[in-house]
Amino acid sequence: MILAGDIGGTKTVLALLDRQADGTLSCLQEQTFASGEFQTFEEILDLFLSDTPTVTSACFGIAGPVVNQRCQTTNLPWLLDGEQLKARLGTDRVKLLNDLEAMAIGMLHLQEQDFVELNPNAEPQTGNIAVIAAGTGLGEAMLHWDGEQYHPIATEGGHCDFAPQNPQQDQLLTFLRGRYPAHVSCERILSGIGFSNIYDFLVQARFAPPCPAVPAPANASGVDRNALISRLGVDDEDPLCRETVRLFAELYGAEAGNLALKAFATGGVFIGGGIAPKIRSVLESGEFIQAFVAKGRFQPMLAKLSVKLALNPRTPLLGAMHYFAAQ
């Protein structure tokens, strides 16, 4: 019996699978839990495995840095320890992966219909692949191509410095330094909270009058302010929200291009995470790709790279499911 998990700041998804005679995986059980409702991951594990037969292998993609098979989750007070999980599950075949490392593996198991190509000038090429995903946080990973197969490489690139590229973004950085004086990372703008940060900046900059439907930060209790701003912007129901989403897409494209350069991703870029499918129409409008390729002397190279938006929300779980199959 194979146990796979996608452990995120918002939700945790666990699945039990059985390997068929032909090597394919059959999902026997899958359940989603609200991560914030549990003090530890073990509480979820106990609920899910209450009546389960012996687990032979387990792999978990976790939103946080995995060091020596231990992970303190970034947006949760959970500590996961691979050795403790081996004892709990009764198997030595336990692997903890960074969630973007798991997502990168999962991307290799998606079907063509799970992707939307964002670069109309893309040319098929082989080589390394970059993976970027904005959701509760900003995740980044790489798939190294050795000439025969891909190898996932975890990173914490989402916590690198935000680098503005035009006067408006210069002003945004100044605004964000007021909120995050110690360090302004890309994750502060390219994640769920990024919509509120960008919106509040535009209010201060007097780009347009505040949207009456969006509560001020002090009055936002019980309201998913980020989702509201995003929806109003995508539907073009308010000028300030629309500019928020446009700027988000521009910044997303620029950071995707940065990662493509760092990974030398001639094989292209995969975009995962929960935000991108929700703002798909804005990402397809062209400004995302314009910002992606705007890398000076390297614009010709980036202009040919495939940039695919993944629509399957189970991608990190698929990566965890297939991890031991590749070993």
C-alpha atoms as a PDB file:
ATOM      1  CA  MET A   1       0.000   0.000   0.000  1.00  0.00           C
ATOM      2  CA  ILE A   2       1.387   3.398  -1.039  1.00  0.00           C
ATOM      3  CA  LEU A   3       0.692   6.536   1.016  1.00  0.00           C
ATOM      4  CA  ALA A   4       1.097   9.903  -0.696  1.00  0.00           C
ATOM      5  CA  GLY A   5       0.535  13.397   0.636  1.00  0.00           C
ATOM      6  CA  ASP A   6       0.451  17.030  -0.450  1.00  0.00           C
ATOM      7  CA  ILE A   7       0.954  19.089   2.718  1.00  0.00           C
ATOM      8  CA  GLY A   8       0.248  22.785   2.272  1.00  0.00           C
ATOM      9  CA  GLY A   9      -0.387  25.804   4.434  1.00  0.00           C
ATOM     10  CA  THR A  10      -4.059  25.845   3.493  1.00  0.00           C
ATOM     11  CA  LYS A  11      -4.920  22.200   2.925  1.00  0.00           C
ATOM     12  CA  THR A  12      -3.432  18.740   3.259  1.00  0.00           C
ATOM     13  CA  VAL A  13      -4.384  15.985   0.817  1.00  0.00           C
ATOM     14  CA  LEU A  14      -3.614  12.335   1.552  1.00  0.00           C
ATOM     15  CA  ALA A  15      -4.116   9.368  -0.751  1.00  0.00           C
ATOM     16  CA  LEU A  16      -3.757   5.594  -0.501  1.00  0.00           C
ATOM     17  CA  LEU A  17      -2.823   3.690  -3.631  1.00  0.00           C
ATOM     18  CA  ASP A  18      -2.231   0.158  -4.788  1.00  0.00           C
ATOM     19  CA  ARG A  19       0.128  -0.828  -7.594  1.00  0.00           C
ATOM     20  CA  GLN A  20      -1.507  -3.022 -10.213  1.00  0.00           C
ATOM     21  CA  ALA A  21       0.177  -5.933 -12.012  1.00  0.00           C
ATOM     22  CA  ASP A  22       0.854  -3.732 -15.055  1.00  0.00           C
ATOM     23  CA  GLY A  23       2.613  -1.111 -12.892  1.00  0.00           C
ATOM     24  CA  THR A  24      -0.192   1.449 -12.891  1.00  0.00           C
ATOM     25  CA  LEU A  25      -1.414   3.017  -9.662  1.00  0.00           C
ATOM     26  CA  SER A  26      -4.979   2.638  -8.443  1.00  0.00           C
ATOM     27  CA  CYS A  27      -6.240   5.209  -5.934  1.00  0.00           C
ATOM     28  CA  LEU A  28      -8.177   3.509  -3.147  1.00  0.00           C
ATOM     29  CA  GLN A  29      -8.829   6.507  -0.919  1.00  0.00           C
ATOM     30  CA  GLU A  30      -8.223  10.257  -1.033  1.00  0.00           C
ATOM     31  CA  GLN A  31      -9.162  12.882   1.542  1.00  0.00           C
ATOM     32  CA  THR A  32      -8.596  16.610   2.000  1.00  0.00           C
ATOM     33  CA  PHE A  33      -8.083  18.262   5.393  1.00  0.00           C
ATOM     34  CA  ALA A  34      -7.997  21.955   6.385  1.00  0.00           C
ATOM     35  CA  SER A  35      -4.410  22.233   7.635  1.00  0.00           C
ATOM     36  CA  GLY A  36      -5.085  25.090  10.037  1.00  0.00           C
ATOM     37  CA  GLU A  37      -7.568  23.027  12.035  1.00  0.00           C
ATOM     38  CA  PHE A  38      -4.870  20.640  13.294  1.00  0.00           C
ATOM     39  CA  GLN A  39      -2.001  21.204  15.723  1.00  0.00           C
ATOM     40  CA  THR A  40       0.213  18.525  14.151  1.00  0.00           C
ATOM     41  CA  PHE A  41       0.424  16.490  10.960  1.00  0.00           C
ATOM     42  CA  GLU A  42       0.218  13.326  13.054  1.00  0.00           C
ATOM     43  CA  GLU A  43      -3.373  14.206  13.998  1.00  0.00           C
ATOM     44  CA  ILE A  44      -4.350  14.118  10.326  1.00  0.00           C
ATOM     45  CA  LEU A  45      -2.372  10.929   9.755  1.00  0.00           C
ATOM     46  CA  ASP A  46      -4.158   9.165  12.613  1.00  0.00           C
ATOM     47  CA  LEU A  47      -7.558  10.141  11.229  1.00  0.00           C
ATOM     48  CA  PHE A  48      -6.732   9.048   7.708  1.00  0.00           C
ATOM     49  CA  LEU A  49      -5.055   5.746   8.603  1.00  0.00           C
ATOM     50  CA  SER A  50      -7.527   4.589  11.257  1.00  0.00           C
ATOM     51  CA  ASP A  51      -8.557   1.459   9.297  1.00  0.00           C
ATOM     52  CA  THR A  52      -5.703   1.144   6.819  1.00  0.00           C
ATOM     53  CA  PRO A  53      -3.691  -2.001   5.962  1.00  0.00           C
ATOM     54  CA  THR A  54       0.107  -1.951   6.135  1.00  0.00           C
ATOM     55  CA  VAL A  55       1.791   0.952   4.335  1.00  0.00           C
ATOM     56  CA  THR A  56       4.798  -0.203   2.294  1.00  0.00           C
ATOM     57  CA  SER A  57       6.014   3.229   1.147  1.00  0.00           C
ATOM     58  CA  ALA A  58       5.118   6.847   1.810  1.00  0.00           C
ATOM     59  CA  CYS A  59       6.065  10.127   0.176  1.00  0.00           C
ATOM     60  CA  PHE A  60       4.973  13.603   1.246  1.00  0.00           C
ATOM     61  CA  GLY A  61       5.376  16.920  -0.569  1.00  0.00           C
ATOM     62  CA  ILE A  62       5.595  19.644   2.100  1.00  0.00           C
ATOM     63  CA  ALA A  63       5.369  23.434   1.882  1.00  0.00           C
ATOM     64  CA  GLY A  64       8.683  24.162   3.557  1.00  0.00           C
ATOM     65  CA  PRO A  65      12.417  23.430   3.386  1.00  0.00           C
ATOM     66  CA  VAL A  66      13.357  19.777   3.867  1.00  0.00           C
ATOM     67  CA  VAL A  67      16.786  19.404   5.502  1.00  0.00           C
ATOM     68  CA  ASN A  68      18.077  15.959   6.518  1.00  0.00           C
ATOM     69  CA  GLN A  69      14.551  14.600   6.073  1.00  0.00           C
ATOM     70  CA  ARG A  70      13.086  17.029   8.587  1.00  0.00           C
ATOM     71  CA  CYS A  71      10.817  19.951   7.759  1.00  0.00           C
ATOM     72  CA  GLN A  72       9.510  22.862   9.783  1.00  0.00           C
ATOM     73  CA  THR A  73       6.574  23.978   7.633  1.00  0.00           C
ATOM     74  CA  THR A  74       6.738  27.584   6.469  1.00  0.00           C
ATOM     75  CA  ASN A  75       3.130  28.606   7.093  1.00  0.00           C
ATOM     76  CA  LEU A  76       2.152  26.084   9.783  1.00  0.00           C
ATOM     77  CA  PRO A  77       3.541  25.215  13.251  1.00  0.00           C
ATOM     78  CA  TRP A  78       4.247  21.635  12.160  1.00  0.00           C
ATOM     79  CA  LEU A  79       7.521  19.750  12.352  1.00  0.00           C
ATOM     80  CA  LEU A  80       7.722  16.616  10.216  1.00  0.00           C
ATOM     81  CA  ASP A  81      10.513  14.128  10.858  1.00  0.00           C
ATOM     82  CA  GLY A  82      11.231  11.354   8.373  1.00  0.00           C
ATOM     83  CA  GLU A  83      12.668   8.988  10.987  1.00  0.00           C
ATOM     84  CA  GLN A  84       9.648   9.399  13.239  1.00  0.00           C
ATOM     85  CA  LEU A  85       7.326   8.779  10.307  1.00  0.00           C
ATOM     86  CA  LYS A  86       9.219   5.593   9.447  1.00  0.00           C
ATOM     87  CA  ALA A  87       8.575   4.320  12.975  1.00  0.00           C
ATOM     88  CA  ARG A  88       4.932   5.438  12.871  1.00  0.00           C
ATOM     89  CA  LEU A  89       4.247   3.803   9.500  1.00  0.00           C
ATOM     90  CA  GLY A  90       6.414   0.710   9.984  1.00  0.00           C
ATOM     91  CA  THR A  91       8.433   1.130   6.774  1.00  0.00           C
ATOM     92  CA  ASP A  92      11.869   2.453   5.839  1.00  0.00           C
ATOM     93  CA  ARG A  93      10.538   3.682   2.505  1.00  0.00           C
ATOM     94  CA  VAL A  94       9.500   7.159   3.638  1.00  0.00           C
ATOM     95  CA  LYS A  95      10.499  10.313   1.774  1.00  0.00           C
ATOM     96  CA  LEU A  96       9.885  13.967   2.559  1.00  0.00           C
ATOM     97  CA  LEU A  97      10.020  16.324  -0.435  1.00  0.00           C
ATOM     98  CA  ASN A  98       9.645  20.056  -0.710  1.00  0.00           C
ATOM     99  CA  ASP A  99       6.194  20.653  -2.196  1.00  0.00           C
ATOM    100  CA  LEU A 100       7.638  22.181  -5.363  1.00  0.00           C
ATOM    101  CA  GLU A 101       9.984  19.221  -5.740  1.00  0.00           C
ATOM    102  CA  ALA A 102       6.895  16.987  -5.608  1.00  0.00           C
ATOM    103  CA  MET A 103       5.077  19.294  -8.026  1.00  0.00           C
ATOM    104  CA  ALA A 104       7.996  19.136 -10.445  1.00  0.00           C
ATOM    105  CA  ILE A 105       7.813  15.333 -10.502  1.00  0.00           C
ATOM    106  CA  GLY A 106       4.040  15.514 -10.911  1.00  0.00           C
ATOM    107  CA  MET A 107       4.364  17.791 -13.935  1.00  0.00           C
ATOM    108  CA  LEU A 108       6.080  14.924 -15.761  1.00  0.00           C
ATOM    109  CA  HIS A 109       2.972  12.759 -15.251  1.00  0.00           C
ATOM    110  CA  LEU A 110       0.346  15.220 -16.526  1.00  0.00           C
ATOM    111  CA  GLN A 111      -1.437  14.835 -19.843  1.00  0.00           C
ATOM    112  CA  GLU A 112      -1.202  17.366 -22.655  1.00  0.00           C
ATOM    113  CA  GLN A 113      -4.754  18.540 -21.969  1.00  0.00           C
ATOM    114  CA  ASP A 114      -3.672  19.516 -18.445  1.00  0.00           C
ATOM    115  CA  PHE A 115      -1.552  22.359 -19.851  1.00  0.00           C
ATOM    116  CA  VAL A 116      -2.171  25.730 -21.504  1.00  0.00           C
ATOM    117  CA  GLU A 117       0.704  27.203 -23.518  1.00  0.00           C
ATOM    118  CA  LEU A 118       1.194  30.898 -22.677  1.00  0.00           C
ATOM    119  CA  ASN A 119       3.956  31.624 -25.190  1.00  0.00           C
ATOM    120  CA  PRO A 120       2.621  31.702 -28.765  1.00  0.00           C
ATOM    121  CA  ASN A 121       6.206  31.734 -30.098  1.00  0.00           C
ATOM    122  CA  ALA A 122       7.381  28.669 -28.163  1.00  0.00           C
ATOM    123  CA  GLU A 123       9.635  26.196 -29.950  1.00  0.00           C
ATOM    124  CA  PRO A 124       9.948  22.592 -28.657  1.00  0.00           C
ATOM    125  CA  GLN A 125      13.341  22.041 -27.030  1.00  0.00           C
ATOM    126  CA  THR A 126      14.884  19.601 -24.574  1.00  0.00           C
ATOM    127  CA  GLY A 127      16.800  20.599 -21.473  1.00  0.00           C
ATOM    128  CA  ASN A 128      16.243  21.713 -17.917  1.00  0.00           C
ATOM    129  CA  ILE A 129      12.759  22.818 -16.864  1.00  0.00           C
ATOM    130  CA  ALA A 130      11.842  25.526 -14.352  1.00  0.00           C
ATOM    131  CA  VAL A 131       8.779  25.124 -12.121  1.00  0.00           C
ATOM    132  CA  ILE A 132       7.155  28.084 -10.365  1.00  0.00           C
ATOM    133  CA  ALA A 133       3.936  28.152  -8.361  1.00  0.00           C
ATOM    134  CA  ALA A 134       2.177  30.993  -6.556  1.00  0.00           C
ATOM    135  CA  GLY A 135      -0.340  29.918  -3.942  1.00  0.00           C
ATOM    136  CA  THR A 136      -0.314  30.348  -0.172  1.00  0.00           C
ATOM    137  CA  GLY A 137       3.385  31.066  -0.732  1.00  0.00           C
ATOM    138  CA  LEU A 138       5.674  31.192  -3.765  1.00  0.00           C
ATOM    139  CA  GLY A 139       7.410  27.945  -4.640  1.00  0.00           C
ATOM    140  CA  GLU A 140      10.196  27.389  -7.138  1.00  0.00           C
ATOM    141  CA  ALA A 141      11.967  24.236  -8.289  1.00  0.00           C
ATOM    142  CA  MET A 142      13.942  22.845 -11.196  1.00  0.00           C
ATOM    143  CA  LEU A 143      13.977  19.659 -13.243  1.00  0.00           C
ATOM    144  CA  HIS A 144      17.553  18.881 -14.281  1.00  0.00           C
ATOM    145  CA  TRP A 145      17.857  17.013 -17.595  1.00  0.00           C
ATOM    146  CA  ASP A 146      20.863  14.651 -17.684  1.00  0.00           C
ATOM    147  CA  GLY A 147      20.314  13.637 -21.289  1.00  0.00           C
ATOM    148  CA  GLU A 148      18.115  10.672 -20.432  1.00  0.00           C
ATOM    149  CA  GLN A 149      15.816  11.610 -17.564  1.00  0.00           C
ATOM    150  CA  TYR A 150      14.761  14.472 -15.292  1.00  0.00           C
ATOM    151  CA  HIS A 151      15.889  14.947 -11.694  1.00  0.00           C
ATOM    152  CA  PRO A 152      13.929  17.296  -9.391  1.00  0.00           C
ATOM    153  CA  ILE A 153      15.836  19.965  -7.465  1.00  0.00           C
ATOM    154  CA  ALA A 154      14.150  21.791  -4.599  1.00  0.00           C
ATOM    155  CA  THR A 155      14.820  25.486  -3.987  1.00  0.00           C
ATOM    156  CA  GLU A 156      13.593  28.263  -1.700  1.00  0.00           C
ATOM    157  CA  GLY A 157      13.837  30.770  -4.538  1.00  0.00           C
ATOM    158  CA  GLY A 158      10.492  32.326  -3.679  1.00  0.00           C
ATOM    159  CA  HIS A 159      12.199  33.983  -0.719  1.00  0.00           C
ATOM    160  CA  CYS A 160      14.796  35.754  -2.870  1.00  0.00           C
ATOM    161  CA  ASP A 161      14.805  39.548  -3.109  1.00  0.00           C
ATOM    162  CA  PHE A 162      12.133  41.346  -5.122  1.00  0.00           C
ATOM    163  CA  ALA A 163      13.828  43.290  -7.940  1.00  0.00           C
ATOM    164  CA  PRO A 164      11.666  46.086  -9.468  1.00  0.00           C
ATOM    165  CA  GLN A 165      11.951  46.689 -13.198  1.00  0.00           C
ATOM    166  CA  ASN A 166      10.126  50.003 -13.807  1.00  0.00           C
ATOM    167  CA  PRO A 167       9.144  53.181 -11.890  1.00  0.00           C
ATOM    168  CA  GLN A 168       5.833  51.752 -10.688  1.00  0.00           C
ATOM    169  CA  GLN A 169       7.599  48.689  -9.299  1.00  0.00           C
ATOM    170  CA  ASP A 170      10.228  50.962  -7.695  1.00  0.00           C
ATOM    171  CA  GLN A 171       7.412  52.648  -5.782  1.00  0.00           C
ATOM    172  CA  LEU A 172       5.941  49.257  -4.873  1.00  0.00           C
ATOM    173  CA  LEU A 173       9.271  48.186  -3.352  1.00  0.00           C
ATOM    174  CA  THR A 174       9.414  51.369  -1.286  1.00  0.00           C
ATOM    175  CA  PHE A 175       5.878  50.695  -0.033  1.00  0.00           C
ATOM    176  CA  LEU A 176       6.690  47.077   0.834  1.00  0.00           C
ATOM    177  CA  ARG A 177       9.797  48.113   2.769  1.00  0.00           C
ATOM    178  CA  GLY A 178       7.447  49.921   5.105  1.00  0.00           C
ATOM    179  CA  ARG A 179       5.588  46.659   5.778  1.00  0.00           C
ATOM    180  CA  TYR A 180       8.565  44.289   5.680  1.00  0.00           C
ATOM    181  CA  PRO A 181      11.609  46.349   6.728  1.00  0.00           C
ATOM    182  CA  ALA A 182      13.855  43.325   7.270  1.00  0.00           C
ATOM    183  CA  HIS A 183      13.419  41.778   3.811  1.00  0.00           C
ATOM    184  CA  VAL A 184      11.109  42.165   0.816  1.00  0.00           C
ATOM    185  CA  SER A 185      10.936  38.804  -0.941  1.00  0.00           C
ATOM    186  CA  CYS A 186       9.133  37.839  -4.122  1.00  0.00           C
ATOM    187  CA  GLU A 187       6.705  35.824  -1.994  1.00  0.00           C
ATOM    188  CA  ARG A 188       5.363  39.050  -0.461  1.00  0.00           C
ATOM    189  CA  ILE A 189       3.804  39.913  -3.829  1.00  0.00           C
ATOM    190  CA  LEU A 190       3.548  36.587  -5.668  1.00  0.00           C
ATOM    191  CA  SER A 191       1.283  34.674  -3.287  1.00  0.00           C
ATOM    192  CA  GLY A 192      -2.201  35.038  -1.883  1.00  0.00           C
ATOM    193  CA  ILE A 193      -1.252  37.979   0.349  1.00  0.00           C
ATOM    194  CA  GLY A 194       0.338  39.603  -2.689  1.00  0.00           C
ATOM    195  CA  PHE A 195      -3.051  40.773  -3.963  1.00  0.00           C
ATOM    196  CA  SER A 196      -3.669  42.729  -0.752  1.00  0.00           C
ATOM    197  CA  ASN A 197      -0.138  44.125  -0.708  1.00  0.00           C
ATOM    198  CA  ILE A 198      -0.359  45.321  -4.308  1.00  0.00           C
ATOM    199  CA  TYR A 199      -3.899  46.668  -3.859  1.00  0.00           C
ATOM    200  CA  ASP A 200      -2.941  48.632  -0.724  1.00  0.00           C
ATOM    201  CA  PHE A 201       0.066  50.062  -2.563  1.00  0.00           C
ATOM    202  CA  LEU A 202      -2.144  51.237  -5.421  1.00  0.00           C
ATOM    203  CA  VAL A 203      -4.563  52.828  -2.938  1.00  0.00           C
ATOM    204  CA  GLN A 204      -1.691  54.747  -1.349  1.00  0.00           C
ATOM    205  CA  ALA A 205      -0.376  55.716  -4.788  1.00  0.00           C
ATOM    206  CA  ARG A 206      -3.890  56.979  -5.688  1.00  0.00           C
ATOM    207  CA  PHE A 207      -4.006  54.961  -8.876  1.00  0.00           C
ATOM    208  CA  ALA A 208      -7.825  54.930  -8.579  1.00  0.00           C
ATOM    209  CA  PRO A 209     -10.420  55.292  -5.809  1.00  0.00           C
ATOM    210  CA  PRO A 210     -10.612  52.342  -3.392  1.00  0.00           C
ATOM    211  CA  CYS A 211     -13.105  49.670  -4.400  1.00  0.00           C
ATOM    212  CA  PRO A 212     -16.243  49.927  -2.185  1.00  0.00           C
ATOM    213  CA  ALA A 213     -16.543  46.124  -2.114  1.00  0.00           C
ATOM    214  CA  VAL A 214     -13.027  45.609  -0.687  1.00  0.00           C
ATOM    215  CA  PRO A 215     -12.800  46.203   3.068  1.00  0.00           C
ATOM    216  CA  ALA A 216      -9.851  48.053   4.543  1.00  0.00           C
ATOM    217  CA  PRO A 217      -7.287  45.732   6.174  1.00  0.00           C
ATOM    218  CA  ALA A 218      -8.510  46.629   9.657  1.00  0.00           C
ATOM    219  CA  ASN A 219     -12.092  45.677   8.728  1.00  0.00           C
ATOM    220  CA  ALA A 220     -11.395  42.513   6.747  1.00  0.00           C
ATOM    221  CA  SER A 221     -12.158  39.987   9.484  1.00  0.00           C
ATOM    222  CA  GLY A 222     -14.031  37.025   8.017  1.00  0.00           C
ATOM    223  CA  VAL A 223     -13.428  38.160   4.426  1.00  0.00           C
ATOM    224  CA  ASP A 224     -10.914  36.556   2.050  1.00  0.00           C
ATOM    225  CA  ARG A 225      -9.658  39.915   0.887  1.00  0.00           C
ATOM    226  CA  ASN A 226      -7.095  38.448  -1.508  1.00  0.00           C
ATOM    227  CA  ALA A 227      -9.642  36.255  -3.298  1.00  0.00           C
ATOM    228  CA  LEU A 228     -12.095  39.150  -3.517  1.00  0.00           C
ATOM    229  CA  ILE A 229      -9.543  41.532  -5.040  1.00  0.00           C
ATOM    230  CA  SER A 230      -8.428  38.847  -7.481  1.00  0.00           C
ATOM    231  CA  ARG A 231     -11.968  37.996  -8.600  1.00  0.00           C
ATOM    232  CA  LEU A 232     -13.012  41.611  -9.062  1.00  0.00           C
ATOM    233  CA  GLY A 233      -9.846  42.250 -11.042  1.00  0.00           C
ATOM    234  CA  VAL A 234     -10.173  39.232 -13.314  1.00  0.00           C
ATOM    235  CA  ASP A 235     -13.831  40.092 -14.004  1.00  0.00           C
ATOM    236  CA  ASP A 236     -12.850  43.746 -14.645  1.00  0.00           C
ATOM    237  CA  GLU A 237     -15.435  44.980 -12.141  1.00  0.00           C
ATOM    238  CA  ASP A 238     -13.183  47.599 -10.545  1.00  0.00           C
ATOM    239  CA  PRO A 239     -10.240  49.628 -11.971  1.00  0.00           C
ATOM    240  CA  LEU A 240      -8.074  49.303  -8.859  1.00  0.00           C
ATOM    241  CA  CYS A 241      -8.598  45.547  -8.610  1.00  0.00           C
ATOM    242  CA  ARG A 242      -7.972  45.184 -12.333  1.00  0.00           C
ATOM    243  CA  GLU A 243      -4.644  47.003 -12.040  1.00  0.00           C
ATOM    244  CA  THR A 244      -3.768  44.850  -9.031  1.00  0.00           C
ATOM    245  CA  VAL A 245      -4.194  41.660 -11.032  1.00  0.00           C
ATOM    246  CA  ARG A 246      -2.436  43.122 -14.075  1.00  0.00           C
ATOM    247  CA  LEU A 247       0.573  44.105 -11.976  1.00  0.00           C
ATOM    248  CA  PHE A 248       0.547  40.711 -10.257  1.00  0.00           C
ATOM    249  CA  ALA A 249       0.727  39.019 -13.684  1.00  0.00           C
ATOM    250  CA  GLU A 250       3.532  41.331 -14.798  1.00  0.00           C
ATOM    251  CA  LEU A 251       5.565  40.553 -11.683  1.00  0.00           C
ATOM    252  CA  TYR A 252       4.810  36.829 -12.023  1.00  0.00           C
ATOM    253  CA  GLY A 253       6.113  36.835 -15.590  1.00  0.00           C
ATOM    254  CA  ALA A 254       9.300  38.652 -14.570  1.00  0.00           C
ATOM    255  CA  GLU A 255      10.069  36.194 -11.760  1.00  0.00           C
ATOM    256  CA  ALA A 256       9.290  33.206 -14.007  1.00  0.00           C
ATOM    257  CA  GLY A 257      11.826  34.619 -16.452  1.00  0.00           C
ATOM    258  CA  ASN A 258      14.381  35.018 -13.655  1.00  0.00           C
ATOM    259  CA  LEU A 259      13.958  31.369 -12.694  1.00  0.00           C
ATOM    260  CA  ALA A 260      14.228  30.270 -16.328  1.00  0.00           C
ATOM    261  CA  LEU A 261      17.605  32.013 -16.561  1.00  0.00           C
ATOM    262  CA  LYS A 262      18.881  30.577 -13.266  1.00  0.00           C
ATOM    263  CA  ALA A 263      17.839  27.051 -14.252  1.00  0.00           C
ATOM    264  CA  PHE A 264      18.945  27.525 -17.890  1.00  0.00           C
ATOM    265  CA  ALA A 265      15.521  26.108 -18.653  1.00  0.00           C
ATOM    266  CA  THR A 266      15.756  25.414 -22.358  1.00  0.00           C
ATOM    267  CA  GLY A 267      13.118  22.724 -21.780  1.00  0.00           C
ATOM    268  CA  GLY A 268      10.643  25.412 -20.743  1.00  0.00           C
ATOM    269  CA  VAL A 269       8.746  26.572 -17.695  1.00  0.00           C
ATOM    270  CA  PHE A 270       5.819  24.963 -15.878  1.00  0.00           C
ATOM    271  CA  ILE A 271       3.494  27.192 -13.847  1.00  0.00           C
ATOM    272  CA  GLY A 272       1.642  25.476 -11.031  1.00  0.00           C
ATOM    273  CA  GLY A 273      -0.105  26.556  -7.858  1.00  0.00           C
ATOM    274  CA  GLY A 274      -3.658  27.540  -7.093  1.00  0.00           C
ATOM    275  CA  ILE A 275      -3.567  31.169  -8.234  1.00  0.00           C
ATOM    276  CA  ALA A 276      -2.604  30.868 -11.899  1.00  0.00           C
ATOM    277  CA  PRO A 277      -5.695  28.953 -13.109  1.00  0.00           C
ATOM    278  CA  LYS A 278      -7.918  31.520 -11.373  1.00  0.00           C
ATOM    279  CA  ILE A 279      -6.276  34.416 -13.222  1.00  0.00           C
ATOM    280  CA  ARG A 280      -5.734  32.495 -16.458  1.00  0.00           C
ATOM    281  CA  SER A 281      -7.373  35.138 -18.667  1.00  0.00           C
ATOM    282  CA  VAL A 282      -4.995  37.796 -17.329  1.00  0.00           C
ATOM    283  CA  LEU A 283      -1.947  35.557 -17.799  1.00  0.00           C
ATOM    284  CA  GLU A 284      -3.032  34.934 -21.396  1.00  0.00           C
ATOM    285  CA  SER A 285      -3.447  38.656 -22.140  1.00  0.00           C
ATOM    286  CA  GLY A 286       0.213  39.028 -23.132  1.00  0.00           C
ATOM    287  CA  GLU A 287       1.737  41.113 -20.341  1.00  0.00           C
ATOM    288  CA  PHE A 288       2.925  38.022 -18.476  1.00  0.00           C
ATOM    289  CA  ILE A 289       4.967  36.879 -21.476  1.00  0.00           C
ATOM    290  CA  GLN A 290       6.194  40.411 -22.191  1.00  0.00           C
ATOM    291  CA  ALA A 291       7.631  40.591 -18.688  1.00  0.00           C
ATOM    292  CA  PHE A 292       8.945  37.024 -18.949  1.00  0.00           C
ATOM    293  CA  VAL A 293      11.069  37.728 -22.031  1.00  0.00           C
ATOM    294  CA  ALA A 294      12.221  41.239 -21.024  1.00  0.00           C
ATOM    295  CA  LYS A 295      15.728  40.131 -20.037  1.00  0.00           C
ATOM    296  CA  GLY A 296      17.917  42.344 -22.226  1.00  0.00           C
ATOM    297  CA  ARG A 297      20.456  40.352 -24.201  1.00  0.00           C
ATOM    298  CA  PHE A 298      18.728  37.084 -23.294  1.00  0.00           C
ATOM    299  CA  GLN A 299      15.355  38.099 -24.709  1.00  0.00           C
ATOM    300  CA  PRO A 300      15.861  36.041 -27.909  1.00  0.00           C
ATOM    301  CA  MET A 301      16.455  32.894 -25.875  1.00  0.00           C
ATOM    302  CA  LEU A 302      13.478  33.380 -23.572  1.00  0.00           C
ATOM    303  CA  ALA A 303      11.199  34.343 -26.451  1.00  0.00           C
ATOM    304  CA  LYS A 304      11.407  30.755 -27.721  1.00  0.00           C
ATOM    305  CA  LEU A 305      10.840  28.964 -24.414  1.00  0.00           C
ATOM    306  CA  SER A 306       7.635  27.063 -23.763  1.00  0.00           C
ATOM    307  CA  VAL A 307       5.724  28.460 -20.769  1.00  0.00           C
ATOM    308  CA  LYS A 308       2.924  26.108 -19.800  1.00  0.00           C
ATOM    309  CA  LEU A 309       0.215  26.751 -17.231  1.00  0.00           C
ATOM    310  CA  ALA A 310      -0.768  23.526 -15.442  1.00  0.00           C
ATOM    311  CA  LEU A 311      -4.479  23.229 -14.685  1.00  0.00           C
ATOM    312  CA  ASN A 312      -4.432  20.014 -12.631  1.00  0.00           C
ATOM    313  CA  PRO A 313      -4.608  20.865  -8.891  1.00  0.00           C
ATOM    314  CA  ARG A 314      -3.411  17.362  -7.961  1.00  0.00           C
ATOM    315  CA  THR A 315       0.038  17.820  -9.504  1.00  0.00           C
ATOM    316  CA  PRO A 316       2.043  17.797  -6.219  1.00  0.00           C
ATOM    317  CA  LEU A 317       0.092  14.764  -5.046  1.00  0.00           C
ATOM    318  CA  LEU A 318       0.852  12.999  -8.326  1.00  0.00           C
ATOM    319  CA  GLY A 319       4.525  13.687  -7.760  1.00  0.00           C
ATOM    320  CA  ALA A 320       4.382  12.117  -4.307  1.00  0.00           C
ATOM    321  CA  MET A 321       2.471   9.147  -5.716  1.00  0.00           C
ATOM    322  CA  HIS A 322       5.096   8.461  -8.361  1.00  0.00           C
ATOM    323  CA  TYR A 323       8.261   9.204  -6.380  1.00  0.00           C
ATOM    324  CA  PHE A 324       9.173   5.624  -5.462  1.00  0.00           C
ATOM    325  CA  ALA A 325       8.192   4.369  -8.921  1.00  0.00           C
ATOM    326  CA  ALA A 326      11.157   6.304 -10.293  1.00  0.00           C
ATOM    327  CA  GLN A 327      13.628   4.867  -7.748  1.00  0.00           C
END
